[in-house]
Amino acid sequence: MKLTFLQSNKPNWTKLQVELSDAIRKYLDGGKDFEISFDLVKESKTNKQLRGIYRLIRLFALRLIEKQGNFISDETAKELFKYQFGITRLANYDEAFREALKMRREKELLGQKMLLKDFNFLVEKLQQTFEVPKSFTLLTKEEGMELLKKVQEEFVINRGWHEMVLLPDEERAFNEYFKIKEK
């Protein structure tokens, strides 16, 4: 159970306090061990602030489904979207290690062996060259604005997908995030 008390939502505090009290009483009456912790709410990028980007990704998924004839999940579409627009970063050690394991397994299936020194060299090289999708939360303001520009050029201008634009309130929320992030 997670209850969030926001300063902007004071009218609901009484209801939340009742829920908290009921939950505590339920656990105490049930003879169960439990733990309560308190954390401060951190301001971060929310889905609401990026809803425009996620709407574009859903529209992108629909276009891919039309083109491919197969279902494509929003998660897969998001990853393809990131690769298409260069929202990537170099793999960390764990990601490079996993990729190297896959590559070693493919070699084994072909009857080839990979020595430990070759495997370690591959992991090191993958950390320098292997790109993985980057979280939208890691975008800088410049990268975010460049992304919107690229989306407009690629989808709206080049492909004629006129629905692939941010609505004014979505663009405002997207820009607002970067104002918060810069502080």
Protein backbone atom coordinates (compact mmCIF):
# COMPACT_ATOMS: atom_id res chain seq x y z
CA MET A 1 0.00 0.00 0.00
CA LYS A 2 1.28 3.43 -0.88
CA LEU A 3 -0.42 6.65 0.17
CA THR A 4 0.78 10.01 -1.10
CA PHE A 5 0.09 13.18 0.85
CA LEU A 6 0.52 16.19 -1.42
CA GLN A 7 0.42 19.79 -0.21
CA SER A 8 -1.69 20.57 -3.24
CA ASN A 9 -4.26 17.94 -2.20
CA LYS A 10 -5.06 18.93 1.40
CA PRO A 11 -8.81 18.25 1.07
CA ASN A 12 -8.03 14.50 0.74
CA TRP A 13 -5.70 14.28 3.73
CA THR A 14 -8.49 13.16 6.09
CA LYS A 15 -9.49 10.34 3.73
CA LEU A 16 -5.85 9.26 3.40
CA GLN A 17 -5.37 9.32 7.19
CA VAL A 18 -8.42 7.08 7.62
CA GLU A 19 -7.02 4.64 5.00
CA LEU A 20 -3.68 4.60 6.82
CA SER A 21 -5.34 3.99 10.21
CA ASP A 22 -7.54 1.23 8.78
CA ALA A 23 -4.53 -0.49 7.22
CA ILE A 24 -2.53 -0.33 10.46
CA ARG A 25 -5.49 -1.70 12.47
CA LYS A 26 -5.99 -4.52 9.92
CA TYR A 27 -2.38 -5.65 10.26
CA LEU A 28 -2.37 -5.34 14.06
CA ASP A 29 -5.66 -7.25 14.37
CA GLY A 30 -4.35 -9.92 12.00
CA GLY A 31 -1.26 -10.46 14.12
CA LYS A 32 1.01 -9.75 11.15
CA ASP A 33 4.42 -8.13 11.24
CA PHE A 34 4.61 -5.04 9.06
CA GLU A 35 6.72 -2.04 8.30
CA ILE A 36 5.86 1.60 7.64
CA SER A 37 8.23 4.01 5.95
CA PHE A 38 7.95 7.64 4.94
CA ASP A 39 9.61 9.23 1.92
CA LEU A 40 9.51 12.72 0.50
CA VAL A 41 7.86 13.03 -2.90
CA LYS A 42 10.50 13.88 -5.48
CA GLU A 43 9.73 16.08 -8.45
CA SER A 44 10.63 14.27 -11.63
CA LYS A 45 9.47 13.83 -15.15
CA THR A 46 6.01 12.32 -15.17
CA ASN A 47 4.04 10.53 -17.81
CA LYS A 48 1.74 13.57 -17.82
CA GLN A 49 4.65 15.82 -18.73
CA LEU A 50 5.69 13.48 -21.53
CA ARG A 51 2.24 12.36 -22.60
CA GLY A 52 2.78 13.99 -25.99
CA ILE A 53 5.87 11.89 -26.67
CA TYR A 54 4.07 8.74 -25.53
CA ARG A 55 1.07 9.64 -27.73
CA LEU A 56 3.47 9.98 -30.67
CA ILE A 57 4.93 6.58 -29.82
CA ARG A 58 1.44 4.99 -29.74
CA LEU A 59 0.67 6.56 -33.13
CA PHE A 60 4.04 5.30 -34.38
CA ALA A 61 3.09 1.80 -33.15
CA LEU A 62 -0.21 1.98 -35.05
CA ARG A 63 1.62 2.99 -38.25
CA LEU A 64 4.08 0.12 -37.77
CA ILE A 65 1.19 -2.30 -37.27
CA GLU A 66 -0.39 -1.05 -40.52
CA LYS A 67 2.91 -1.44 -42.35
CA GLN A 68 4.01 -4.77 -40.86
CA GLY A 69 0.62 -6.41 -40.42
CA ASN A 70 1.69 -7.68 -36.99
CA PHE A 71 0.92 -6.41 -33.50
CA ILE A 72 3.65 -4.18 -32.04
CA SER A 73 3.49 -3.31 -28.35
CA ASP A 74 3.91 0.27 -27.13
CA GLU A 75 7.12 -0.84 -25.39
CA THR A 76 8.60 -2.19 -28.63
CA ALA A 77 7.47 0.91 -30.50
CA LYS A 78 9.12 3.08 -27.83
CA GLU A 79 12.41 1.23 -28.29
CA LEU A 80 12.22 1.49 -32.10
CA PHE A 81 11.34 5.18 -31.78
CA LYS A 82 14.41 5.77 -29.60
CA TYR A 83 16.72 3.97 -32.04
CA GLN A 84 15.24 5.81 -35.02
CA PHE A 85 15.86 9.21 -33.44
CA GLY A 86 19.18 8.46 -31.76
CA ILE A 87 17.90 8.46 -28.17
CA THR A 88 20.66 6.03 -27.19
CA ARG A 89 23.69 5.77 -24.95
CA LEU A 90 26.65 3.43 -24.72
CA ALA A 91 25.99 0.18 -22.89
CA ASN A 92 27.17 -0.14 -19.31
CA TYR A 93 29.15 -3.18 -18.13
CA ASP A 94 26.08 -5.31 -17.33
CA GLU A 95 24.40 -4.57 -20.67
CA ALA A 96 27.64 -5.26 -22.57
CA PHE A 97 28.14 -8.49 -20.60
CA ARG A 98 24.61 -9.71 -21.45
CA GLU A 99 25.11 -8.90 -25.13
CA ALA A 100 28.48 -10.70 -25.11
CA LEU A 101 26.80 -13.75 -23.55
CA LYS A 102 24.26 -13.78 -26.39
CA MET A 103 27.04 -13.49 -28.96
CA ARG A 104 29.03 -16.27 -27.28
CA ARG A 105 25.92 -18.49 -27.28
CA GLU A 106 25.38 -17.86 -31.00
CA LYS A 107 28.99 -18.91 -31.68
CA GLU A 108 28.51 -22.04 -29.56
CA LEU A 109 25.44 -22.97 -31.57
CA LEU A 110 27.64 -22.79 -34.68
CA GLY A 111 30.19 -25.08 -32.99
CA GLN A 112 32.73 -22.33 -32.30
CA LYS A 113 34.35 -21.73 -28.93
CA MET A 114 35.13 -18.35 -27.37
CA LEU A 115 38.09 -18.09 -25.03
CA LEU A 116 37.72 -16.14 -21.78
CA LYS A 117 40.19 -13.47 -22.94
CA ASP A 118 38.19 -13.04 -26.16
CA PHE A 119 34.96 -12.81 -24.19
CA ASN A 120 36.40 -10.15 -21.87
CA PHE A 121 37.76 -8.22 -24.86
CA LEU A 122 34.29 -8.36 -26.45
CA VAL A 123 32.64 -7.01 -23.29
CA GLU A 124 35.15 -4.14 -23.22
CA LYS A 125 34.57 -3.32 -26.92
CA LEU A 126 30.79 -3.48 -26.53
CA GLN A 127 30.99 -0.91 -23.74
CA GLN A 128 32.67 1.41 -26.23
CA THR A 129 30.45 0.74 -29.25
CA PHE A 130 27.12 -0.92 -28.35
CA GLU A 131 24.24 1.55 -28.21
CA VAL A 132 21.18 0.92 -26.05
CA PRO A 133 17.99 3.01 -25.73
CA LYS A 134 18.31 5.95 -23.34
CA SER A 135 15.53 6.93 -20.97
CA PHE A 136 13.58 10.04 -21.88
CA THR A 137 14.34 11.25 -18.35
CA LEU A 138 18.01 11.61 -19.32
CA LEU A 139 17.34 13.98 -22.22
CA THR A 140 18.68 17.50 -21.96
CA LYS A 141 16.51 20.43 -23.02
CA GLU A 142 18.45 20.68 -26.29
CA GLU A 143 18.04 16.94 -26.99
CA GLY A 144 14.33 17.14 -26.23
CA MET A 145 13.80 20.07 -28.58
CA GLU A 146 15.93 18.38 -31.25
CA LEU A 147 13.83 15.22 -30.88
CA LEU A 148 10.61 17.15 -31.50
CA LYS A 149 12.16 18.80 -34.56
CA LYS A 150 13.33 15.44 -35.96
CA VAL A 151 9.90 13.87 -35.38
CA GLN A 152 8.27 16.72 -37.29
CA GLU A 153 10.72 16.40 -40.19
CA GLU A 154 10.63 12.61 -40.44
CA PHE A 155 6.98 11.85 -39.82
CA VAL A 156 5.02 14.95 -40.77
CA ILE A 157 7.08 16.41 -43.60
CA ASN A 158 8.76 13.34 -45.13
CA ARG A 159 6.03 10.73 -44.58
CA GLY A 160 2.93 12.89 -44.46
CA TRP A 161 1.77 11.49 -41.11
CA HIS A 162 0.00 14.70 -40.09
CA GLU A 163 -1.32 13.27 -36.82
CA MET A 164 2.27 13.00 -35.53
CA VAL A 165 2.44 16.46 -33.95
CA LEU A 166 2.31 17.51 -30.34
CA LEU A 167 -0.85 19.26 -29.30
CA PRO A 168 -0.28 22.74 -27.77
CA ASP A 169 -0.88 21.57 -24.18
CA GLU A 170 1.42 18.55 -24.69
CA GLU A 171 4.20 20.74 -26.06
CA ARG A 172 3.71 23.18 -23.18
CA ALA A 173 3.95 20.34 -20.62
CA PHE A 174 7.04 18.96 -22.37
CA ASN A 175 8.72 22.38 -22.30
CA GLU A 176 7.64 22.87 -18.68
CA TYR A 177 9.52 19.73 -17.68
CA PHE A 178 12.78 21.16 -18.98
CA LYS A 179 12.22 24.40 -17.06
CA ILE A 180 11.82 22.33 -13.86
CA LYS A 181 14.81 20.13 -14.73
CA GLU A 182 17.15 23.11 -15.30
CA LYS A 183 16.56 24.49 -11.78
